[in-house]
Amino acid sequence: MSILSKFKSDKLKASWRFRTKSSSVIIWKLLISPDGILAGEERDTDAKTASLFALNVPTGKLLWRDVTIDEAWWFNSERATADTIFIQKFRKPDMPEPKGIVALNIHTGVLRWEQPDVSMLFEFEGRIYSQREAIGRKEFFAIDSMSGEILEAYGSEKENILALQSMVTDTDRHSVYSMAITPDDGIFSAIADALKGVLEISELRGTIDFAEFGKYIVFSYHERIQNNPQAMLGNLLRNHLKVLDTEDGAIVFSDQPNAETPYPVPENFFIHRGVLIYVKEKREVIGVPLV
């Protein structure tokens, strides 16, 4: 008998939800700061405009929303630190070459600084390392992450920058990210056996993604839709997210982040400070406490 024979799908519940304001607006990208602030992009795919928001992960409190920069669409959120969100702009729409860094206060959304002529490489110990395209070469700079002041110019000495970049390590000690497994992995049979009460393995498409936190294991997987002829003809998939309590073998939370999708969406959840975070139907960010 499957260890998932007992179901308590209402034991855990979402404690907060953040939803876009209209059907044309989607959640495009999320960044997490080490202090538990979730920052993201909302993009209107019809109007081709984008804005930014931030919320507190433990409480779900919205800190700010509808913040825009002087570029409506062509930008990318690069990194969130305890103080700042760094945004990369591009030279022009038909040439997606990075040029221009914007820094926003992560607590308020207020502009800290902008450096229009450089592109971001990485952040390290309070400095943003960047490069500028010059005639026939690249020039490298260190920028103060809080003020935007140019602290050091390295000229074209790329070796100094590469040496510093090799020292950058992942310091996100508060987040747990999913691991993807395929039928070729040794652990796959054990995971498939654990899920056999809710998943027909022959209908699985893509990987099974899972993460462990305390007594819980979180699973995300995609299976071919079988009860809809039109969906079957289009080979559409349904994405399931489930939380297993390993102490009693029960499913304690269940949702469908994507009811219909043409392809598997990997790495579609993570856990930060004990809160399971995922995006549902591209329009809603949901937080489920696991503690």
C-alpha atoms as a PDB file:
ATOM      1  CA  MET A   1       0.000   0.000   0.000  1.00  0.00           C
ATOM      2  CA  SER A   2       1.292   3.459  -0.846  1.00  0.00           C
ATOM      3  CA  ILE A   3       2.530   5.608   1.998  1.00  0.00           C
ATOM      4  CA  LEU A   4       0.200   8.230   0.559  1.00  0.00           C
ATOM      5  CA  SER A   5      -2.896   6.185   1.380  1.00  0.00           C
ATOM      6  CA  LYS A   6      -3.913   8.660   4.095  1.00  0.00           C
ATOM      7  CA  PHE A   7      -4.969  12.115   2.936  1.00  0.00           C
ATOM      8  CA  LYS A   8      -5.155  15.256   5.057  1.00  0.00           C
ATOM      9  CA  SER A   9      -4.913  17.762   2.256  1.00  0.00           C
ATOM     10  CA  ASP A  10      -6.288  20.567   4.429  1.00  0.00           C
ATOM     11  CA  LYS A  11      -3.781  20.284   7.275  1.00  0.00           C
ATOM     12  CA  LEU A  12      -1.556  23.017   5.839  1.00  0.00           C
ATOM     13  CA  LYS A  13      -3.070  26.155   4.375  1.00  0.00           C
ATOM     14  CA  ALA A  14      -1.828  29.181   2.476  1.00  0.00           C
ATOM     15  CA  SER A  15      -1.329  32.106   4.851  1.00  0.00           C
ATOM     16  CA  TRP A  16      -0.977  34.756   2.127  1.00  0.00           C
ATOM     17  CA  ARG A  17      -1.608  35.331  -1.567  1.00  0.00           C
ATOM     18  CA  PHE A  18      -0.442  38.074  -3.900  1.00  0.00           C
ATOM     19  CA  ARG A  19      -2.395  38.338  -7.145  1.00  0.00           C
ATOM     20  CA  THR A  20      -1.970  40.487 -10.246  1.00  0.00           C
ATOM     21  CA  LYS A  21      -4.670  43.047 -10.950  1.00  0.00           C
ATOM     22  CA  SER A  22      -5.772  41.876 -14.413  1.00  0.00           C
ATOM     23  CA  SER A  23      -5.690  38.817 -16.669  1.00  0.00           C
ATOM     24  CA  SER A  24      -3.091  40.379 -18.969  1.00  0.00           C
ATOM     25  CA  VAL A  25      -0.597  40.865 -16.120  1.00  0.00           C
ATOM     26  CA  ILE A  26       1.633  37.967 -15.096  1.00  0.00           C
ATOM     27  CA  ILE A  27       4.287  37.325 -12.482  1.00  0.00           C
ATOM     28  CA  TRP A  28       7.471  37.330 -14.520  1.00  0.00           C
ATOM     29  CA  LYS A  29      10.357  36.890 -12.104  1.00  0.00           C
ATOM     30  CA  LEU A  30      10.916  36.582  -8.357  1.00  0.00           C
ATOM     31  CA  LEU A  31      13.978  37.358  -6.251  1.00  0.00           C
ATOM     32  CA  ILE A  32      14.441  36.641  -2.566  1.00  0.00           C
ATOM     33  CA  SER A  33      16.564  38.742  -0.210  1.00  0.00           C
ATOM     34  CA  PRO A  34      18.475  37.127   2.661  1.00  0.00           C
ATOM     35  CA  ASP A  35      16.219  38.994   5.107  1.00  0.00           C
ATOM     36  CA  GLY A  36      12.984  37.500   3.818  1.00  0.00           C
ATOM     37  CA  ILE A  37      11.761  40.084   1.312  1.00  0.00           C
ATOM     38  CA  LEU A  38      10.317  38.684  -1.894  1.00  0.00           C
ATOM     39  CA  ALA A  39      10.673  41.058  -4.844  1.00  0.00           C
ATOM     40  CA  GLY A  40       9.155  40.463  -8.243  1.00  0.00           C
ATOM     41  CA  GLU A  41       8.142  41.776 -11.622  1.00  0.00           C
ATOM     42  CA  GLU A  42       4.561  42.189 -12.829  1.00  0.00           C
ATOM     43  CA  ARG A  43       4.376  42.364 -16.621  1.00  0.00           C
ATOM     44  CA  ASP A  44       1.381  43.384 -18.732  1.00  0.00           C
ATOM     45  CA  THR A  45       1.810  41.247 -21.825  1.00  0.00           C
ATOM     46  CA  ASP A  46      -0.744  43.268 -23.807  1.00  0.00           C
ATOM     47  CA  ALA A  47       0.544  46.754 -23.024  1.00  0.00           C
ATOM     48  CA  LYS A  48       4.208  45.656 -22.876  1.00  0.00           C
ATOM     49  CA  THR A  49       4.740  47.459 -19.589  1.00  0.00           C
ATOM     50  CA  ALA A  50       6.250  46.199 -16.364  1.00  0.00           C
ATOM     51  CA  SER A  51       6.425  47.202 -12.714  1.00  0.00           C
ATOM     52  CA  LEU A  52       7.981  45.860  -9.542  1.00  0.00           C
ATOM     53  CA  PHE A  53       6.699  44.868  -6.103  1.00  0.00           C
ATOM     54  CA  ALA A  54       7.985  43.515  -2.798  1.00  0.00           C
ATOM     55  CA  LEU A  55       6.403  41.710   0.136  1.00  0.00           C
ATOM     56  CA  ASN A  56       7.475  40.274   3.458  1.00  0.00           C
ATOM     57  CA  VAL A  57       7.666  36.476   3.259  1.00  0.00           C
ATOM     58  CA  PRO A  58       6.842  35.496   6.875  1.00  0.00           C
ATOM     59  CA  THR A  59       3.723  37.704   7.029  1.00  0.00           C
ATOM     60  CA  GLY A  60       2.806  38.224   3.376  1.00  0.00           C
ATOM     61  CA  LYS A  61       2.562  41.972   4.025  1.00  0.00           C
ATOM     62  CA  LEU A  62       2.842  43.995   0.824  1.00  0.00           C
ATOM     63  CA  LEU A  63       5.687  46.487   1.217  1.00  0.00           C
ATOM     64  CA  TRP A  64       5.260  48.307  -2.091  1.00  0.00           C
ATOM     65  CA  ARG A  65       3.861  47.845  -5.574  1.00  0.00           C
ATOM     66  CA  ASP A  66       3.525  49.466  -9.021  1.00  0.00           C
ATOM     67  CA  VAL A  67       7.071  50.854  -8.964  1.00  0.00           C
ATOM     68  CA  THR A  68       8.371  51.575 -12.450  1.00  0.00           C
ATOM     69  CA  ILE A  69      11.697  52.670 -13.887  1.00  0.00           C
ATOM     70  CA  ASP A  70      12.331  54.825 -16.943  1.00  0.00           C
ATOM     71  CA  GLU A  71      12.269  51.741 -19.175  1.00  0.00           C
ATOM     72  CA  ALA A  72       8.780  50.276 -19.622  1.00  0.00           C
ATOM     73  CA  TRP A  73       9.628  46.709 -20.649  1.00  0.00           C
ATOM     74  CA  TRP A  74      13.261  45.949 -21.500  1.00  0.00           C
ATOM     75  CA  PHE A  75      14.833  45.271 -18.110  1.00  0.00           C
ATOM     76  CA  ASN A  76      15.651  42.327 -15.885  1.00  0.00           C
ATOM     77  CA  SER A  77      15.762  42.039 -12.094  1.00  0.00           C
ATOM     78  CA  GLU A  78      19.240  40.711 -11.344  1.00  0.00           C
ATOM     79  CA  ARG A  79      19.781  40.442  -7.602  1.00  0.00           C
ATOM     80  CA  ALA A  80      18.165  41.197  -4.243  1.00  0.00           C
ATOM     81  CA  THR A  81      20.294  41.920  -1.196  1.00  0.00           C
ATOM     82  CA  ALA A  82      19.269  42.894   2.331  1.00  0.00           C
ATOM     83  CA  ASP A  83      19.068  46.523   1.214  1.00  0.00           C
ATOM     84  CA  THR A  84      18.686  46.751  -2.531  1.00  0.00           C
ATOM     85  CA  ILE A  85      17.233  45.318  -5.737  1.00  0.00           C
ATOM     86  CA  PHE A  86      19.530  45.640  -8.727  1.00  0.00           C
ATOM     87  CA  ILE A  87      17.937  45.909 -12.166  1.00  0.00           C
ATOM     88  CA  GLN A  88      19.697  45.521 -15.481  1.00  0.00           C
ATOM     89  CA  LYS A  89      18.540  47.631 -18.423  1.00  0.00           C
ATOM     90  CA  PHE A  90      19.387  47.003 -22.084  1.00  0.00           C
ATOM     91  CA  ARG A  91      20.913  49.098 -24.828  1.00  0.00           C
ATOM     92  CA  LYS A  92      17.772  48.973 -26.988  1.00  0.00           C
ATOM     93  CA  PRO A  93      14.880  46.550 -27.618  1.00  0.00           C
ATOM     94  CA  ASP A  94      16.169  44.997 -30.818  1.00  0.00           C
ATOM     95  CA  MET A  95      19.664  44.617 -29.336  1.00  0.00           C
ATOM     96  CA  PRO A  96      19.302  42.960 -25.902  1.00  0.00           C
ATOM     97  CA  GLU A  97      22.808  43.955 -24.866  1.00  0.00           C
ATOM     98  CA  PRO A  98      22.936  44.942 -21.186  1.00  0.00           C
ATOM     99  CA  LYS A  99      23.592  48.608 -20.472  1.00  0.00           C
ATOM    100  CA  GLY A 100      22.539  50.559 -17.410  1.00  0.00           C
ATOM    101  CA  ILE A 101      22.063  49.498 -13.767  1.00  0.00           C
ATOM    102  CA  VAL A 102      19.194  50.709 -11.573  1.00  0.00           C
ATOM    103  CA  ALA A 103      19.257  50.213  -7.789  1.00  0.00           C
ATOM    104  CA  LEU A 104      16.049  50.384  -5.719  1.00  0.00           C
ATOM    105  CA  ASN A 105      15.646  50.379  -1.946  1.00  0.00           C
ATOM    106  CA  ILE A 106      14.182  46.919  -1.308  1.00  0.00           C
ATOM    107  CA  HIS A 107      12.171  48.145   1.701  1.00  0.00           C
ATOM    108  CA  THR A 108      10.491  51.103  -0.023  1.00  0.00           C
ATOM    109  CA  GLY A 109      10.964  50.747  -3.783  1.00  0.00           C
ATOM    110  CA  VAL A 110      12.568  54.197  -3.894  1.00  0.00           C
ATOM    111  CA  LEU A 111      15.387  54.758  -6.377  1.00  0.00           C
ATOM    112  CA  ARG A 112      18.827  54.621  -4.752  1.00  0.00           C
ATOM    113  CA  TRP A 113      20.958  55.325  -7.808  1.00  0.00           C
ATOM    114  CA  GLU A 114      21.444  54.646 -11.499  1.00  0.00           C
ATOM    115  CA  GLN A 115      24.571  54.125 -13.573  1.00  0.00           C
ATOM    116  CA  PRO A 116      23.496  54.351 -17.226  1.00  0.00           C
ATOM    117  CA  ASP A 117      26.719  53.311 -19.004  1.00  0.00           C
ATOM    118  CA  VAL A 118      27.668  50.005 -17.369  1.00  0.00           C
ATOM    119  CA  SER A 119      26.283  46.477 -17.101  1.00  0.00           C
ATOM    120  CA  MET A 120      26.195  44.378 -13.948  1.00  0.00           C
ATOM    121  CA  LEU A 121      28.502  41.402 -13.504  1.00  0.00           C
ATOM    122  CA  PHE A 122      28.077  40.430  -9.839  1.00  0.00           C
ATOM    123  CA  GLU A 123      27.738  41.742  -6.276  1.00  0.00           C
ATOM    124  CA  PHE A 124      30.368  41.067  -3.628  1.00  0.00           C
ATOM    125  CA  GLU A 125      30.915  42.547  -0.163  1.00  0.00           C
ATOM    126  CA  GLY A 126      28.973  45.745  -0.728  1.00  0.00           C
ATOM    127  CA  ARG A 127      30.268  46.392  -4.223  1.00  0.00           C
ATOM    128  CA  ILE A 128      28.720  45.967  -7.638  1.00  0.00           C
ATOM    129  CA  TYR A 129      31.267  44.848 -10.207  1.00  0.00           C
ATOM    130  CA  SER A 130      30.406  46.046 -13.675  1.00  0.00           C
ATOM    131  CA  GLN A 131      31.736  46.525 -17.175  1.00  0.00           C
ATOM    132  CA  ARG A 132      31.462  49.134 -19.868  1.00  0.00           C
ATOM    133  CA  GLU A 133      31.835  48.573 -23.580  1.00  0.00           C
ATOM    134  CA  ALA A 134      34.581  50.800 -24.941  1.00  0.00           C
ATOM    135  CA  ILE A 135      35.971  50.980 -28.464  1.00  0.00           C
ATOM    136  CA  GLY A 136      37.509  47.578 -29.094  1.00  0.00           C
ATOM    137  CA  ARG A 137      37.683  46.596 -25.424  1.00  0.00           C
ATOM    138  CA  LYS A 138      35.836  46.282 -22.129  1.00  0.00           C
ATOM    139  CA  GLU A 139      36.502  48.345 -19.024  1.00  0.00           C
ATOM    140  CA  PHE A 140      35.715  47.164 -15.500  1.00  0.00           C
ATOM    141  CA  PHE A 141      34.541  49.087 -12.428  1.00  0.00           C
ATOM    142  CA  ALA A 142      33.585  48.606  -8.777  1.00  0.00           C
ATOM    143  CA  ILE A 143      30.508  50.571  -7.637  1.00  0.00           C
ATOM    144  CA  ASP A 144      29.374  51.202  -4.070  1.00  0.00           C
ATOM    145  CA  SER A 145      26.150  49.200  -3.777  1.00  0.00           C
ATOM    146  CA  MET A 146      24.415  51.783  -1.564  1.00  0.00           C
ATOM    147  CA  SER A 147      25.447  55.076  -3.146  1.00  0.00           C
ATOM    148  CA  GLY A 148      26.261  54.155  -6.749  1.00  0.00           C
ATOM    149  CA  GLU A 149      29.644  55.875  -6.446  1.00  0.00           C
ATOM    150  CA  ILE A 150      32.467  54.537  -8.644  1.00  0.00           C
ATOM    151  CA  LEU A 151      34.982  53.202  -6.131  1.00  0.00           C
ATOM    152  CA  GLU A 152      37.578  51.714  -8.416  1.00  0.00           C
ATOM    153  CA  ALA A 153      38.386  51.488 -12.114  1.00  0.00           C
ATOM    154  CA  TYR A 154      40.275  48.421 -13.300  1.00  0.00           C
ATOM    155  CA  GLY A 155      40.734  49.371 -16.930  1.00  0.00           C
ATOM    156  CA  SER A 156      40.729  46.264 -19.116  1.00  0.00           C
ATOM    157  CA  GLU A 157      42.300  44.011 -16.470  1.00  0.00           C
ATOM    158  CA  LYS A 158      39.735  41.233 -16.575  1.00  0.00           C
ATOM    159  CA  GLU A 159      41.847  38.890 -14.448  1.00  0.00           C
ATOM    160  CA  ASN A 160      41.242  40.972 -11.320  1.00  0.00           C
ATOM    161  CA  ILE A 161      37.483  40.769 -11.823  1.00  0.00           C
ATOM    162  CA  LEU A 162      37.537  37.024 -12.503  1.00  0.00           C
ATOM    163  CA  ALA A 163      39.561  36.420  -9.352  1.00  0.00           C
ATOM    164  CA  LEU A 164      36.982  38.303  -7.288  1.00  0.00           C
ATOM    165  CA  GLN A 165      34.059  36.554  -8.984  1.00  0.00           C
ATOM    166  CA  SER A 166      35.508  33.152  -8.073  1.00  0.00           C
ATOM    167  CA  MET A 167      35.201  34.146  -4.408  1.00  0.00           C
ATOM    168  CA  VAL A 168      31.453  34.762  -4.629  1.00  0.00           C
ATOM    169  CA  THR A 169      29.512  32.022  -2.844  1.00  0.00           C
ATOM    170  CA  ASP A 170      25.837  31.327  -2.314  1.00  0.00           C
ATOM    171  CA  THR A 171      25.010  32.807   1.077  1.00  0.00           C
ATOM    172  CA  ASP A 172      21.250  32.178   0.962  1.00  0.00           C
ATOM    173  CA  ARG A 173      21.191  30.041   4.100  1.00  0.00           C
ATOM    174  CA  HIS A 174      17.456  30.566   4.624  1.00  0.00           C
ATOM    175  CA  SER A 175      16.204  29.064   1.348  1.00  0.00           C
ATOM    176  CA  VAL A 176      15.721  25.501   0.195  1.00  0.00           C
ATOM    177  CA  TYR A 177      15.469  24.869  -3.536  1.00  0.00           C
ATOM    178  CA  SER A 178      14.092  21.849  -5.345  1.00  0.00           C
ATOM    179  CA  MET A 179      16.089  18.981  -6.782  1.00  0.00           C
ATOM    180  CA  ALA A 180      14.998  17.515 -10.113  1.00  0.00           C
ATOM    181  CA  ILE A 181      15.127  13.767 -10.640  1.00  0.00           C
ATOM    182  CA  THR A 182      14.589  11.728 -13.806  1.00  0.00           C
ATOM    183  CA  PRO A 183      14.011   8.000 -14.359  1.00  0.00           C
ATOM    184  CA  ASP A 184      17.782   7.638 -14.813  1.00  0.00           C
ATOM    185  CA  ASP A 185      18.477   8.700 -11.218  1.00  0.00           C
ATOM    186  CA  GLY A 186      18.884   6.022  -8.593  1.00  0.00           C
ATOM    187  CA  ILE A 187      16.425   7.678  -6.204  1.00  0.00           C
ATOM    188  CA  PHE A 188      13.674   7.872  -8.830  1.00  0.00           C
ATOM    189  CA  SER A 189      12.137   4.465  -8.078  1.00  0.00           C
ATOM    190  CA  ALA A 190      11.775   5.291  -4.378  1.00  0.00           C
ATOM    191  CA  ILE A 191      10.175   8.655  -5.137  1.00  0.00           C
ATOM    192  CA  ALA A 192       7.887   7.116  -7.755  1.00  0.00           C
ATOM    193  CA  ASP A 193       6.812   4.461  -5.265  1.00  0.00           C
ATOM    194  CA  ALA A 194       6.034   7.150  -2.674  1.00  0.00           C
ATOM    195  CA  LEU A 195       3.847   8.955  -5.221  1.00  0.00           C
ATOM    196  CA  LYS A 196       2.095   5.960  -6.745  1.00  0.00           C
ATOM    197  CA  GLY A 197      -1.077   6.690  -4.802  1.00  0.00           C
ATOM    198  CA  VAL A 198      -1.511  10.020  -6.611  1.00  0.00           C
ATOM    199  CA  LEU A 199       0.546   9.720  -9.796  1.00  0.00           C
ATOM    200  CA  GLU A 200       0.366   7.347 -12.733  1.00  0.00           C
ATOM    201  CA  ILE A 201       4.058   7.152 -13.570  1.00  0.00           C
ATOM    202  CA  SER A 202       3.375   6.263 -17.211  1.00  0.00           C
ATOM    203  CA  GLU A 203       1.702   9.665 -17.603  1.00  0.00           C
ATOM    204  CA  LEU A 204       4.577  11.594 -15.998  1.00  0.00           C
ATOM    205  CA  ARG A 205       6.235  14.148 -18.249  1.00  0.00           C
ATOM    206  CA  GLY A 206       9.518  15.823 -17.347  1.00  0.00           C
ATOM    207  CA  THR A 207      11.126  15.551 -13.942  1.00  0.00           C
ATOM    208  CA  ILE A 208       9.847  15.122 -10.412  1.00  0.00           C
ATOM    209  CA  ASP A 209      11.092  18.077  -8.379  1.00  0.00           C
ATOM    210  CA  PHE A 210      11.292  17.744  -4.620  1.00  0.00           C
ATOM    211  CA  ALA A 211      12.681  19.484  -1.553  1.00  0.00           C
ATOM    212  CA  GLU A 212      12.840  18.504   2.105  1.00  0.00           C
ATOM    213  CA  PHE A 213      12.087  20.763   5.059  1.00  0.00           C
ATOM    214  CA  GLY A 214      11.779  19.326   8.545  1.00  0.00           C
ATOM    215  CA  LYS A 215       9.275  16.489   8.473  1.00  0.00           C
ATOM    216  CA  TYR A 216       7.887  17.558   5.098  1.00  0.00           C
ATOM    217  CA  ILE A 217       8.782  16.665   1.535  1.00  0.00           C
ATOM    218  CA  VAL A 218       7.447  18.943  -1.200  1.00  0.00           C
ATOM    219  CA  PHE A 219       6.866  17.413  -4.646  1.00  0.00           C
ATOM    220  CA  SER A 220       6.116  19.069  -7.976  1.00  0.00           C
ATOM    221  CA  TYR A 221       5.456  17.051 -11.118  1.00  0.00           C
ATOM    222  CA  HIS A 222       3.592  17.188 -14.434  1.00  0.00           C
ATOM    223  CA  GLU A 223       1.311  14.494 -15.805  1.00  0.00           C
ATOM    224  CA  ARG A 224      -0.546  14.212 -19.081  1.00  0.00           C
ATOM    225  CA  ILE A 225      -4.210  15.221 -18.791  1.00  0.00           C
ATOM    226  CA  GLN A 226      -6.307  12.100 -19.399  1.00  0.00           C
ATOM    227  CA  ASN A 227      -9.932  13.108 -18.805  1.00  0.00           C
ATOM    228  CA  ASN A 228     -10.193  15.736 -21.553  1.00  0.00           C
ATOM    229  CA  PRO A 229     -10.052  14.614 -25.215  1.00  0.00           C
ATOM    230  CA  GLN A 230      -9.026  18.034 -26.477  1.00  0.00           C
ATOM    231  CA  ALA A 231      -6.268  18.292 -23.881  1.00  0.00           C
ATOM    232  CA  MET A 232      -5.087  14.789 -24.732  1.00  0.00           C
ATOM    233  CA  LEU A 233      -4.949  15.684 -28.420  1.00  0.00           C
ATOM    234  CA  GLY A 234      -2.801  18.692 -27.581  1.00  0.00           C
ATOM    235  CA  ASN A 235      -0.622  16.680 -25.168  1.00  0.00           C
ATOM    236  CA  LEU A 236      -1.394  19.208 -22.444  1.00  0.00           C
ATOM    237  CA  LEU A 237      -0.032  18.634 -18.961  1.00  0.00           C
ATOM    238  CA  ARG A 238      -1.280  19.332 -15.450  1.00  0.00           C
ATOM    239  CA  ASN A 239       1.174  20.482 -12.800  1.00  0.00           C
ATOM    240  CA  HIS A 240       0.682  19.155  -9.270  1.00  0.00           C
ATOM    241  CA  LEU A 241       2.265  20.411  -6.051  1.00  0.00           C
ATOM    242  CA  LYS A 242       1.986  18.226  -2.958  1.00  0.00           C
ATOM    243  CA  VAL A 243       3.400  18.267   0.551  1.00  0.00           C
ATOM    244  CA  LEU A 244       3.991  14.950   2.303  1.00  0.00           C
ATOM    245  CA  ASP A 245       4.198  14.618   6.083  1.00  0.00           C
ATOM    246  CA  THR A 246       6.810  11.887   6.493  1.00  0.00           C
ATOM    247  CA  GLU A 247       5.758  11.135  10.073  1.00  0.00           C
ATOM    248  CA  ASP A 248       2.323   9.784   9.177  1.00  0.00           C
ATOM    249  CA  GLY A 249       2.580   9.374   5.391  1.00  0.00           C
ATOM    250  CA  ALA A 250      -0.205  11.855   4.670  1.00  0.00           C
ATOM    251  CA  ILE A 251      -0.556  14.479   1.970  1.00  0.00           C
ATOM    252  CA  VAL A 252      -1.084  17.646   4.019  1.00  0.00           C
ATOM    253  CA  PHE A 253      -1.237  20.191   1.188  1.00  0.00           C
ATOM    254  CA  SER A 254      -2.146  19.906  -2.475  1.00  0.00           C
ATOM    255  CA  ASP A 255      -2.563  22.378  -5.320  1.00  0.00           C
ATOM    256  CA  GLN A 256      -2.312  22.676  -9.093  1.00  0.00           C
ATOM    257  CA  PRO A 257       0.050  25.538  -9.985  1.00  0.00           C
ATOM    258  CA  ASN A 258      -0.727  24.990 -13.675  1.00  0.00           C
ATOM    259  CA  ALA A 259      -4.002  23.295 -14.598  1.00  0.00           C
ATOM    260  CA  GLU A 260      -3.023  23.169 -18.279  1.00  0.00           C
ATOM    261  CA  THR A 261       0.435  23.725 -19.697  1.00  0.00           C
ATOM    262  CA  PRO A 262       2.013  22.603 -22.980  1.00  0.00           C
ATOM    263  CA  TYR A 263       5.354  21.822 -21.355  1.00  0.00           C
ATOM    264  CA  PRO A 264       6.792  21.046 -17.908  1.00  0.00           C
ATOM    265  CA  VAL A 265       7.789  24.053 -15.801  1.00  0.00           C
ATOM    266  CA  PRO A 266      10.822  23.088 -13.687  1.00  0.00           C
ATOM    267  CA  GLU A 267      11.962  24.693 -10.438  1.00  0.00           C
ATOM    268  CA  ASN A 268       8.550  26.234  -9.821  1.00  0.00           C
ATOM    269  CA  PHE A 269       8.705  26.380  -6.018  1.00  0.00           C
ATOM    270  CA  PHE A 270      11.136  27.033  -3.182  1.00  0.00           C
ATOM    271  CA  ILE A 271      11.064  27.291   0.607  1.00  0.00           C
ATOM    272  CA  HIS A 272      12.266  30.399   2.453  1.00  0.00           C
ATOM    273  CA  ARG A 273      12.353  30.669   6.239  1.00  0.00           C
ATOM    274  CA  GLY A 274       9.892  27.802   6.480  1.00  0.00           C
ATOM    275  CA  VAL A 275       7.414  29.214   3.948  1.00  0.00           C
ATOM    276  CA  LEU A 276       6.682  27.277   0.758  1.00  0.00           C
ATOM    277  CA  ILE A 277       6.468  29.795  -2.103  1.00  0.00           C
ATOM    278  CA  TYR A 278       5.108  29.105  -5.584  1.00  0.00           C
ATOM    279  CA  VAL A 279       3.360  30.845  -8.464  1.00  0.00           C
ATOM    280  CA  LYS A 280      -0.094  29.697  -9.563  1.00  0.00           C
ATOM    281  CA  GLU A 281      -1.265  30.142 -13.164  1.00  0.00           C
ATOM    282  CA  LYS A 282       1.407  32.836 -13.652  1.00  0.00           C
ATOM    283  CA  ARG A 283      -0.774  35.369 -11.813  1.00  0.00           C
ATOM    284  CA  GLU A 284      -0.637  34.550  -8.115  1.00  0.00           C
ATOM    285  CA  VAL A 285       2.210  34.113  -5.631  1.00  0.00           C
ATOM    286  CA  ILE A 286       1.247  31.899  -2.688  1.00  0.00           C
ATOM    287  CA  GLY A 287       2.923  31.356   0.674  1.00  0.00           C
ATOM    288  CA  VAL A 288       2.283  28.209   2.742  1.00  0.00           C
ATOM    289  CA  PRO A 289       3.948  27.999   6.208  1.00  0.00           C
ATOM    290  CA  LEU A 290       5.601  24.639   6.914  1.00  0.00           C
ATOM    291  CA  VAL A 291       6.351  25.521  10.533  1.00  0.00           C
END
